[in-house]
Structure formats: structure tokens, C-alpha cells
Amino acid sequence: MRVAVDGIYFGRLTGMAGGEFAALAAAAGADGVNWPFAEGYAEPGNPTSWEASAAALRKRGLAVVSMAAATQNSAVAGEEEGFRAEIAAIAQAAPLLGSRLIDCWPRMAEGATKPDSQRVLASNIEAVAPVLERAGLVIAFEFEPGTAVERYAEALEAFGPLPSLARLTADTYHINRAGDGLVAAAKAMGNRLGIIHISGSHRGEPGSAGDTCDHEGFVRAAREAGYTGDLVLQYAPPEDLADSLKRAVELCRGIVERAG
């Protein structure tokens, strides 16, 4: 199980371009990254940047464990064409970067209802499934309070009728703050689990002082349920980002080792 660093939280949101973020992740000792499909990283409409990103990451020994969609409009009515075009483009870029998973966040538009948003999401998944299947990719959607799918049980119900390449992104922080048990969630998600985002209950370094999440139990249960993927560090960027990520990578390696 590889430990990766999120290019959204620790790259784009901190104002870093791709090269600077890759250097940060490598210096932290990470095995890989969640790489944004966005300007400064794998740039939309610019295959040259995809190849350049792949070469730079290989040089630093970093795998692309997932690629992050940038627009986050998978559940927004009226944005279907744009979302589907973005996923089709990522499906071209991902193989060049060695990734087989696209990571999405199904935001819910202001004033929209959850049932309507879930219908848009399902329609979009059905529409992009043939493209993803041809490319050998899966797509994962992060459930959390305030989005089109908020908790793991709701997500499993919504995704039940959908193609098996549609998976879930499980963030330990969001599962915990929703009041759900991490171990129970991992067992229930089984082969619907696409990627794990790991963060402390305090939205800091996982396994650090004050974190109450049972990360070891979650990772153990996920493995027992058949999960063979990776951990992506995603937490609130502190001022001492470089040192924090080094600590977090080591903390995660300890979690994985103790989970057995």
C-alpha cells in the first residue's frame, strides 16, 4: 500500500505549480501523488504537459495513484457536457501518467435537491462508463456532508445500480465527522472502495496527537474487504508544510505496518 500526497490540498490550494509540488512530495518521502488535471499540472488540451508531468514524476520516483478532476461538476445539472468532456480528456491523459483511477468530488449546486443531484451524477457515470472501460480506468467519487452523496451507506445505495467501475473515495475525516464507524464503513464498501484519503479527526496529520480516528482498523478492514489500493494524504496544510508531510508520511507507513 503506497502513501501518496494530494496535489489539490498541498499543491493547487497552496499556489504551487506541478514541479514545486512534485519536489515537495518527493522530499517528504512519498511513494506517489494525486495529480490534478489542471493548469500547471496535467494541463487540459496540452498533451505535451502530460508527457512532461509523467517524465518529471518518474524522475522523482513518484507514481500517479490517481488523477483529480478539476471542475467537480459531476452532479450539477446543466454542466453534463463539460463534465463528460473533461473525463474523456483525463481518460487520454491517465495512461500516459500511469494512473488507472480518476478522483472526483460531487459538489451539489446551490438550491439543488439531493435526489436531483444524484440523478445527474448517475446519468454522467453511465455516459462516461464506455470511455473509461475502453481505457481500463475506474472513477471514484468522494462522499462527504454537503455533497450529492453524504455518507457511505447512502453512497452504496446510490451506486448499487451503476457500473462497477464507479467507485467511492473514502476520506477518514469525513466518515468520522459524519458519525460513522471507520471499520464498519470499510467492511461495507468492499469492492466499491476506489481510493482512501487519510486525515486525522482534527483535519491534521493522521495518527498525530489528538487524532481519534481508528486508521489501523480502517486500513485492516479495507484490506480484508479486498482493497488493494493506496492512501492519499489530504489534510489542512499547516505552516510547516514540508516538515508536516514528512511526519505524516511516516505516520501513515506506521499505520499500514501495524494494520498488517
C-alpha atoms as a PDB file:
ATOM      1  CA  MET A   1       0.000   0.000   0.000  1.00  0.00           C
ATOM      2  CA  ARG A   2       1.637   3.218  -1.197  1.00  0.00           C
ATOM      3  CA  VAL A   3       1.478   6.533   0.651  1.00  0.00           C
ATOM      4  CA  ALA A   4       0.697   9.429  -1.688  1.00  0.00           C
ATOM      5  CA  VAL A   5       0.295  13.188  -1.302  1.00  0.00           C
ATOM      6  CA  ASP A   6      -2.711  15.116  -2.610  1.00  0.00           C
ATOM      7  CA  GLY A   7      -1.963  17.653  -5.337  1.00  0.00           C
ATOM      8  CA  ILE A   8      -5.138  19.629  -4.642  1.00  0.00           C
ATOM      9  CA  TYR A   9      -4.648  20.383  -0.936  1.00  0.00           C
ATOM     10  CA  PHE A  10      -0.860  20.574  -0.931  1.00  0.00           C
ATOM     11  CA  GLY A  11      -0.338  21.832  -4.473  1.00  0.00           C
ATOM     12  CA  ARG A  12      -3.039  23.933  -6.077  1.00  0.00           C
ATOM     13  CA  LEU A  13      -4.580  25.296  -2.859  1.00  0.00           C
ATOM     14  CA  THR A  14      -1.179  26.459  -1.639  1.00  0.00           C
ATOM     15  CA  GLY A  15      -0.377  28.090  -5.008  1.00  0.00           C
ATOM     16  CA  MET A  16       2.276  25.601  -6.089  1.00  0.00           C
ATOM     17  CA  ALA A  17       2.847  24.646  -9.707  1.00  0.00           C
ATOM     18  CA  GLY A  18       3.351  20.996 -10.557  1.00  0.00           C
ATOM     19  CA  GLY A  19       7.128  20.971 -10.376  1.00  0.00           C
ATOM     20  CA  GLU A  20       7.242  22.550  -6.935  1.00  0.00           C
ATOM     21  CA  PHE A  21       4.572  20.211  -5.610  1.00  0.00           C
ATOM     22  CA  ALA A  22       6.356  17.142  -7.011  1.00  0.00           C
ATOM     23  CA  ALA A  23       9.555  18.244  -5.292  1.00  0.00           C
ATOM     24  CA  LEU A  24       7.648  18.663  -2.011  1.00  0.00           C
ATOM     25  CA  ALA A  25       6.095  15.182  -2.251  1.00  0.00           C
ATOM     26  CA  ALA A  26       9.425  13.556  -3.105  1.00  0.00           C
ATOM     27  CA  ALA A  27      11.224  15.348  -0.262  1.00  0.00           C
ATOM     28  CA  ALA A  28       8.541  14.103   2.132  1.00  0.00           C
ATOM     29  CA  GLY A  29       9.383  10.531   1.136  1.00  0.00           C
ATOM     30  CA  ALA A  30       6.019   9.831  -0.500  1.00  0.00           C
ATOM     31  CA  ASP A  31       5.527   6.982  -2.954  1.00  0.00           C
ATOM     32  CA  GLY A  32       3.118   8.863  -5.178  1.00  0.00           C
ATOM     33  CA  VAL A  33       0.711  11.716  -5.792  1.00  0.00           C
ATOM     34  CA  ASN A  34      -2.873  12.539  -6.624  1.00  0.00           C
ATOM     35  CA  TRP A  35      -2.155  14.629  -9.736  1.00  0.00           C
ATOM     36  CA  PRO A  36      -4.628  17.349 -10.818  1.00  0.00           C
ATOM     37  CA  PHE A  37      -5.904  17.588 -14.378  1.00  0.00           C
ATOM     38  CA  ALA A  38      -5.407  21.336 -14.335  1.00  0.00           C
ATOM     39  CA  GLU A  39      -3.181  24.218 -15.392  1.00  0.00           C
ATOM     40  CA  GLY A  40       0.334  23.849 -14.075  1.00  0.00           C
ATOM     41  CA  TYR A  41      -0.033  20.065 -13.756  1.00  0.00           C
ATOM     42  CA  ALA A  42      -1.548  17.870 -16.467  1.00  0.00           C
ATOM     43  CA  GLU A  43      -2.991  20.752 -18.455  1.00  0.00           C
ATOM     44  CA  PRO A  44      -6.284  20.237 -20.313  1.00  0.00           C
ATOM     45  CA  GLY A  45      -5.774  20.315 -24.075  1.00  0.00           C
ATOM     46  CA  ASN A  46      -1.983  20.101 -23.771  1.00  0.00           C
ATOM     47  CA  PRO A  47      -0.711  16.516 -24.230  1.00  0.00           C
ATOM     48  CA  THR A  48       2.849  17.814 -24.115  1.00  0.00           C
ATOM     49  CA  SER A  49       2.304  18.772 -20.482  1.00  0.00           C
ATOM     50  CA  TRP A  50       1.008  15.272 -19.746  1.00  0.00           C
ATOM     51  CA  GLU A  51       4.197  13.745 -21.066  1.00  0.00           C
ATOM     52  CA  ALA A  52       6.319  16.302 -19.243  1.00  0.00           C
ATOM     53  CA  SER A  53       4.483  15.597 -15.989  1.00  0.00           C
ATOM     54  CA  ALA A  54       4.965  11.853 -16.428  1.00  0.00           C
ATOM     55  CA  ALA A  55       8.694  12.244 -17.059  1.00  0.00           C
ATOM     56  CA  ALA A  56       9.212  14.621 -14.114  1.00  0.00           C
ATOM     57  CA  LEU A  57       7.323  12.371 -11.718  1.00  0.00           C
ATOM     58  CA  ARG A  58       9.161   9.251 -12.852  1.00  0.00           C
ATOM     59  CA  LYS A  59      12.461  11.068 -12.319  1.00  0.00           C
ATOM     60  CA  ARG A  60      11.463  11.747  -8.713  1.00  0.00           C
ATOM     61  CA  GLY A  61      10.235   8.195  -8.171  1.00  0.00           C
ATOM     62  CA  LEU A  62       6.616   9.235  -7.739  1.00  0.00           C
ATOM     63  CA  ALA A  63       3.690   7.181  -9.016  1.00  0.00           C
ATOM     64  CA  VAL A  64       0.391   8.788 -10.007  1.00  0.00           C
ATOM     65  CA  VAL A  65      -2.006   6.824  -7.826  1.00  0.00           C
ATOM     66  CA  SER A  66      -4.953   8.905  -9.044  1.00  0.00           C
ATOM     67  CA  MET A  67      -5.781  11.887 -11.224  1.00  0.00           C
ATOM     68  CA  ALA A  68      -8.035  14.608  -9.838  1.00  0.00           C
ATOM     69  CA  ALA A  69     -10.797  16.140 -11.926  1.00  0.00           C
ATOM     70  CA  ALA A  70     -10.738  19.924 -11.574  1.00  0.00           C
ATOM     71  CA  THR A  71     -14.268  21.176 -12.283  1.00  0.00           C
ATOM     72  CA  GLN A  72     -16.160  18.981  -9.770  1.00  0.00           C
ATOM     73  CA  ASN A  73     -19.419  19.296 -11.714  1.00  0.00           C
ATOM     74  CA  SER A  74     -20.364  15.612 -11.851  1.00  0.00           C
ATOM     75  CA  ALA A  75     -23.663  16.187 -10.017  1.00  0.00           C
ATOM     76  CA  VAL A  76     -24.541  19.673 -11.336  1.00  0.00           C
ATOM     77  CA  ALA A  77     -27.455  19.957 -13.766  1.00  0.00           C
ATOM     78  CA  GLY A  78     -26.579  21.898 -16.914  1.00  0.00           C
ATOM     79  CA  GLU A  79     -22.874  21.018 -16.672  1.00  0.00           C
ATOM     80  CA  GLU A  80     -23.139  17.483 -18.056  1.00  0.00           C
ATOM     81  CA  GLU A  81     -21.439  18.196 -21.380  1.00  0.00           C
ATOM     82  CA  GLY A  82     -18.455  19.856 -19.745  1.00  0.00           C
ATOM     83  CA  PHE A  83     -18.012  17.127 -17.133  1.00  0.00           C
ATOM     84  CA  ARG A  84     -18.202  14.348 -19.696  1.00  0.00           C
ATOM     85  CA  ALA A  85     -15.692  16.096 -21.940  1.00  0.00           C
ATOM     86  CA  GLU A  86     -13.307  16.540 -19.002  1.00  0.00           C
ATOM     87  CA  ILE A  87     -13.476  12.845 -18.096  1.00  0.00           C
ATOM     88  CA  ALA A  88     -12.911  11.851 -21.729  1.00  0.00           C
ATOM     89  CA  ALA A  89      -9.803  14.048 -21.774  1.00  0.00           C
ATOM     90  CA  ILE A  90      -8.494  12.644 -18.482  1.00  0.00           C
ATOM     91  CA  ALA A  91      -9.031   9.156 -19.907  1.00  0.00           C
ATOM     92  CA  GLN A  92      -6.495  10.084 -22.593  1.00  0.00           C
ATOM     93  CA  ALA A  93      -4.013  11.583 -20.141  1.00  0.00           C
ATOM     94  CA  ALA A  94      -4.180   8.986 -17.358  1.00  0.00           C
ATOM     95  CA  PRO A  95      -2.467   6.118 -19.216  1.00  0.00           C
ATOM     96  CA  LEU A  96       0.457   8.414 -20.085  1.00  0.00           C
ATOM     97  CA  LEU A  97       0.908   9.162 -16.384  1.00  0.00           C
ATOM     98  CA  GLY A  98       0.469   5.543 -15.347  1.00  0.00           C
ATOM     99  CA  SER A  99      -2.758   6.120 -13.436  1.00  0.00           C
ATOM    100  CA  ARG A 100      -5.862   3.946 -13.571  1.00  0.00           C
ATOM    101  CA  LEU A 101      -8.144   5.990 -11.294  1.00  0.00           C
ATOM    102  CA  ILE A 102      -9.902   9.340 -11.729  1.00  0.00           C
ATOM    103  CA  ASP A 103     -10.868  11.053  -8.478  1.00  0.00           C
ATOM    104  CA  CYS A 104     -13.913  13.352  -8.328  1.00  0.00           C
ATOM    105  CA  TRP A 105     -15.838  15.423  -5.809  1.00  0.00           C
ATOM    106  CA  PRO A 106     -19.612  15.525  -6.496  1.00  0.00           C
ATOM    107  CA  ARG A 107     -20.471  19.008  -5.319  1.00  0.00           C
ATOM    108  CA  MET A 108     -24.126  19.910  -5.076  1.00  0.00           C
ATOM    109  CA  ALA A 109     -25.166  23.160  -6.719  1.00  0.00           C
ATOM    110  CA  GLU A 110     -26.776  25.843  -4.584  1.00  0.00           C
ATOM    111  CA  GLY A 111     -30.535  25.349  -4.478  1.00  0.00           C
ATOM    112  CA  ALA A 112     -30.387  21.837  -5.926  1.00  0.00           C
ATOM    113  CA  THR A 113     -32.003  18.868  -4.205  1.00  0.00           C
ATOM    114  CA  LYS A 114     -30.054  15.765  -3.336  1.00  0.00           C
ATOM    115  CA  PRO A 115     -32.285  13.388  -5.386  1.00  0.00           C
ATOM    116  CA  ASP A 116     -31.926  15.569  -8.480  1.00  0.00           C
ATOM    117  CA  SER A 117     -28.171  15.854  -7.963  1.00  0.00           C
ATOM    118  CA  GLN A 118     -27.865  12.089  -7.596  1.00  0.00           C
ATOM    119  CA  ARG A 119     -29.808  11.586 -10.825  1.00  0.00           C
ATOM    120  CA  VAL A 120     -27.398  13.902 -12.658  1.00  0.00           C
ATOM    121  CA  LEU A 121     -24.446  12.029 -11.145  1.00  0.00           C
ATOM    122  CA  ALA A 122     -25.830   8.642 -12.184  1.00  0.00           C
ATOM    123  CA  SER A 123     -26.528   9.877 -15.709  1.00  0.00           C
ATOM    124  CA  ASN A 124     -22.981  11.209 -16.024  1.00  0.00           C
ATOM    125  CA  ILE A 125     -21.465   7.962 -14.768  1.00  0.00           C
ATOM    126  CA  GLU A 126     -23.494   5.933 -17.263  1.00  0.00           C
ATOM    127  CA  ALA A 127     -22.409   8.303 -20.061  1.00  0.00           C
ATOM    128  CA  VAL A 128     -18.657   8.130 -19.353  1.00  0.00           C
ATOM    129  CA  ALA A 129     -18.547   4.415 -18.469  1.00  0.00           C
ATOM    130  CA  PRO A 130     -17.806   3.186 -22.023  1.00  0.00           C
ATOM    131  CA  VAL A 131     -14.900   5.647 -22.378  1.00  0.00           C
ATOM    132  CA  LEU A 132     -13.452   4.586 -19.030  1.00  0.00           C
ATOM    133  CA  GLU A 133     -13.901   0.900 -19.754  1.00  0.00           C
ATOM    134  CA  ARG A 134     -12.030   1.170 -23.053  1.00  0.00           C
ATOM    135  CA  ALA A 135      -9.170   2.951 -21.272  1.00  0.00           C
ATOM    136  CA  GLY A 136      -9.082   0.441 -18.398  1.00  0.00           C
ATOM    137  CA  LEU A 137      -9.909   3.128 -15.827  1.00  0.00           C
ATOM    138  CA  VAL A 138     -12.120   3.414 -12.777  1.00  0.00           C
ATOM    139  CA  ILE A 139     -13.654   6.601 -11.408  1.00  0.00           C
ATOM    140  CA  ALA A 140     -14.179   7.370  -7.722  1.00  0.00           C
ATOM    141  CA  PHE A 141     -16.429   9.952  -6.052  1.00  0.00           C
ATOM    142  CA  GLU A 142     -15.802  11.337  -2.580  1.00  0.00           C
ATOM    143  CA  PHE A 143     -18.813  11.248  -0.279  1.00  0.00           C
ATOM    144  CA  GLU A 144     -18.979  13.811   2.490  1.00  0.00           C
ATOM    145  CA  PRO A 145     -21.521  16.036   4.266  1.00  0.00           C
ATOM    146  CA  GLY A 146     -22.880  18.734   1.960  1.00  0.00           C
ATOM    147  CA  THR A 147     -22.336  16.906  -1.339  1.00  0.00           C
ATOM    148  CA  ALA A 148     -24.639  14.862  -3.568  1.00  0.00           C
ATOM    149  CA  VAL A 149     -23.779  11.745  -1.532  1.00  0.00           C
ATOM    150  CA  GLU A 150     -23.005  12.405   2.113  1.00  0.00           C
ATOM    151  CA  ARG A 151     -22.417   9.102   3.933  1.00  0.00           C
ATOM    152  CA  TYR A 152     -21.136   5.705   2.942  1.00  0.00           C
ATOM    153  CA  ALA A 153     -24.479   3.888   3.304  1.00  0.00           C
ATOM    154  CA  GLU A 154     -26.190   6.477   1.120  1.00  0.00           C
ATOM    155  CA  ALA A 155     -23.360   6.258  -1.406  1.00  0.00           C
ATOM    156  CA  LEU A 156     -23.591   2.468  -1.582  1.00  0.00           C
ATOM    157  CA  GLU A 157     -27.337   2.675  -2.190  1.00  0.00           C
ATOM    158  CA  ALA A 158     -26.905   5.298  -4.916  1.00  0.00           C
ATOM    159  CA  PHE A 159     -24.066   3.433  -6.627  1.00  0.00           C
ATOM    160  CA  GLY A 160     -25.651  -0.022  -6.397  1.00  0.00           C
ATOM    161  CA  PRO A 161     -27.265   0.050  -9.879  1.00  0.00           C
ATOM    162  CA  LEU A 162     -24.265   1.762 -11.521  1.00  0.00           C
ATOM    163  CA  PRO A 163     -21.356   0.165 -13.421  1.00  0.00           C
ATOM    164  CA  SER A 164     -18.750  -1.450 -11.176  1.00  0.00           C
ATOM    165  CA  LEU A 165     -16.066   0.934 -12.453  1.00  0.00           C
ATOM    166  CA  ALA A 166     -17.826   3.666 -10.451  1.00  0.00           C
ATOM    167  CA  ARG A 167     -16.169   3.580  -7.035  1.00  0.00           C
ATOM    168  CA  LEU A 168     -16.078   5.571  -3.806  1.00  0.00           C
ATOM    169  CA  THR A 169     -13.371   7.817  -2.388  1.00  0.00           C
ATOM    170  CA  ALA A 170     -13.351   7.270   1.371  1.00  0.00           C
ATOM    171  CA  ASP A 171     -11.907  10.070   3.477  1.00  0.00           C
ATOM    172  CA  THR A 172     -11.307   9.065   7.104  1.00  0.00           C
ATOM    173  CA  TYR A 173     -12.004  12.608   8.319  1.00  0.00           C
ATOM    174  CA  HIS A 174     -15.384  12.859   6.605  1.00  0.00           C
ATOM    175  CA  ILE A 175     -16.524   9.379   7.657  1.00  0.00           C
ATOM    176  CA  ASN A 176     -15.582  10.181  11.232  1.00  0.00           C
ATOM    177  CA  ARG A 177     -17.248  13.626  11.299  1.00  0.00           C
ATOM    178  CA  ALA A 178     -20.439  12.124   9.872  1.00  0.00           C
ATOM    179  CA  GLY A 179     -20.545   9.926  12.965  1.00  0.00           C
ATOM    180  CA  ASP A 180     -19.978   6.645  11.132  1.00  0.00           C
ATOM    181  CA  GLY A 181     -17.596   3.917  12.253  1.00  0.00           C
ATOM    182  CA  LEU A 182     -14.495   3.620  10.099  1.00  0.00           C
ATOM    183  CA  VAL A 183     -14.214  -0.152  10.393  1.00  0.00           C
ATOM    184  CA  ALA A 184     -17.893  -0.696   9.582  1.00  0.00           C
ATOM    185  CA  ALA A 185     -17.585   1.650   6.593  1.00  0.00           C
ATOM    186  CA  ALA A 186     -14.574  -0.188   5.175  1.00  0.00           C
ATOM    187  CA  LYS A 187     -16.282  -3.567   5.546  1.00  0.00           C
ATOM    188  CA  ALA A 188     -19.466  -2.316   3.902  1.00  0.00           C
ATOM    189  CA  MET A 189     -17.802  -0.625   0.931  1.00  0.00           C
ATOM    190  CA  GLY A 190     -15.861  -3.719  -0.107  1.00  0.00           C
ATOM    191  CA  ASN A 191     -15.057  -3.656  -3.815  1.00  0.00           C
ATOM    192  CA  ARG A 192     -16.779  -0.274  -4.243  1.00  0.00           C
ATOM    193  CA  LEU A 193     -13.852   1.357  -2.454  1.00  0.00           C
ATOM    194  CA  GLY A 194     -11.735   3.111  -5.065  1.00  0.00           C
ATOM    195  CA  ILE A 195      -9.198   5.175  -3.097  1.00  0.00           C
ATOM    196  CA  ILE A 196      -8.593   6.184   0.514  1.00  0.00           C
ATOM    197  CA  HIS A 197      -7.961   9.774   1.576  1.00  0.00           C
ATOM    198  CA  ILE A 198      -6.393   9.791   5.019  1.00  0.00           C
ATOM    199  CA  SER A 199      -6.620  12.599   7.543  1.00  0.00           C
ATOM    200  CA  GLY A 200      -6.873  12.962  11.290  1.00  0.00           C
ATOM    201  CA  SER A 201     -10.154  13.598  13.070  1.00  0.00           C
ATOM    202  CA  HIS A 202      -8.790  17.104  13.723  1.00  0.00           C
ATOM    203  CA  ARG A 203      -8.075  17.505   9.966  1.00  0.00           C
ATOM    204  CA  GLY A 204      -4.364  17.281  10.710  1.00  0.00           C
ATOM    205  CA  GLU A 205      -1.657  14.649  10.319  1.00  0.00           C
ATOM    206  CA  PRO A 206      -3.216  11.171  10.644  1.00  0.00           C
ATOM    207  CA  GLY A 207      -2.120   9.419  13.796  1.00  0.00           C
ATOM    208  CA  SER A 208      -0.790  12.598  15.407  1.00  0.00           C
ATOM    209  CA  ALA A 209      -1.646  13.853  18.891  1.00  0.00           C
ATOM    210  CA  GLY A 210      -5.378  14.378  19.342  1.00  0.00           C
ATOM    211  CA  ASP A 211      -6.455  12.259  16.370  1.00  0.00           C
ATOM    212  CA  THR A 212      -9.246   9.883  17.376  1.00  0.00           C
ATOM    213  CA  CYS A 213      -9.684   8.072  14.021  1.00  0.00           C
ATOM    214  CA  ASP A 214      -9.097   4.321  14.066  1.00  0.00           C
ATOM    215  CA  HIS A 215      -6.892   4.380  10.960  1.00  0.00           C
ATOM    216  CA  GLU A 216      -5.332   0.999  11.618  1.00  0.00           C
ATOM    217  CA  GLY A 217      -8.708  -0.671  11.983  1.00  0.00           C
ATOM    218  CA  PHE A 218      -9.945   1.054   8.832  1.00  0.00           C
ATOM    219  CA  VAL A 219      -6.942   0.002   6.733  1.00  0.00           C
ATOM    220  CA  ARG A 220      -7.109  -3.555   8.082  1.00  0.00           C
ATOM    221  CA  ALA A 221     -10.830  -3.831   7.339  1.00  0.00           C
ATOM    222  CA  ALA A 222     -10.385  -2.336   3.866  1.00  0.00           C
ATOM    223  CA  ARG A 223      -7.694  -4.881   3.043  1.00  0.00           C
ATOM    224  CA  GLU A 224      -9.822  -7.735   4.345  1.00  0.00           C
ATOM    225  CA  ALA A 225     -12.668  -6.472   2.141  1.00  0.00           C
ATOM    226  CA  GLY A 226     -10.386  -6.700  -0.904  1.00  0.00           C
ATOM    227  CA  TYR A 227      -8.930  -3.209  -1.172  1.00  0.00           C
ATOM    228  CA  THR A 228      -5.526  -3.241  -2.899  1.00  0.00           C
ATOM    229  CA  GLY A 229      -5.142   0.487  -3.480  1.00  0.00           C
ATOM    230  CA  ASP A 230      -3.278   3.291  -1.790  1.00  0.00           C
ATOM    231  CA  LEU A 231      -3.502   6.021   0.859  1.00  0.00           C
ATOM    232  CA  VAL A 232      -3.620   9.666  -0.211  1.00  0.00           C
ATOM    233  CA  LEU A 233      -2.714  12.226   2.435  1.00  0.00           C
ATOM    234  CA  GLN A 234      -5.251  15.047   2.436  1.00  0.00           C
ATOM    235  CA  TYR A 235      -5.471  17.392   5.421  1.00  0.00           C
ATOM    236  CA  ALA A 236      -5.407  21.107   6.187  1.00  0.00           C
ATOM    237  CA  PRO A 237      -1.989  22.444   5.066  1.00  0.00           C
ATOM    238  CA  PRO A 238      -0.088  23.791   8.082  1.00  0.00           C
ATOM    239  CA  GLU A 239       2.583  26.495   8.032  1.00  0.00           C
ATOM    240  CA  ASP A 240       5.361  23.917   8.417  1.00  0.00           C
ATOM    241  CA  LEU A 241       4.110  22.020   5.363  1.00  0.00           C
ATOM    242  CA  ALA A 242       7.365  20.327   4.351  1.00  0.00           C
ATOM    243  CA  ASP A 243       8.088  19.017   7.850  1.00  0.00           C
ATOM    244  CA  SER A 244       4.447  18.108   8.411  1.00  0.00           C
ATOM    245  CA  LEU A 245       4.281  15.975   5.282  1.00  0.00           C
ATOM    246  CA  LYS A 246       7.454  14.131   6.262  1.00  0.00           C
ATOM    247  CA  ARG A 247       5.885  13.307   9.620  1.00  0.00           C
ATOM    248  CA  ALA A 248       2.571  12.372   8.004  1.00  0.00           C
ATOM    249  CA  VAL A 249       4.189  10.000   5.504  1.00  0.00           C
ATOM    250  CA  GLU A 250       5.989   8.210   8.328  1.00  0.00           C
ATOM    251  CA  LEU A 251       2.843   8.119  10.457  1.00  0.00           C
ATOM    252  CA  CYS A 252       0.961   6.540   7.549  1.00  0.00           C
ATOM    253  CA  ARG A 253       3.671   3.956   6.997  1.00  0.00           C
ATOM    254  CA  GLY A 254       3.340   3.045  10.670  1.00  0.00           C
ATOM    255  CA  ILE A 255      -0.443   2.746  10.302  1.00  0.00           C
ATOM    256  CA  VAL A 256      -0.056   0.433   7.304  1.00  0.00           C
ATOM    257  CA  GLU A 257       2.546  -1.717   9.073  1.00  0.00           C
ATOM    258  CA  ARG A 258       0.503  -2.115  12.248  1.00  0.00           C
ATOM    259  CA  ALA A 259      -2.663  -2.837  10.252  1.00  0.00           C
ATOM    260  CA  GLY A 260      -0.902  -5.949   8.980  1.00  0.00           C
END
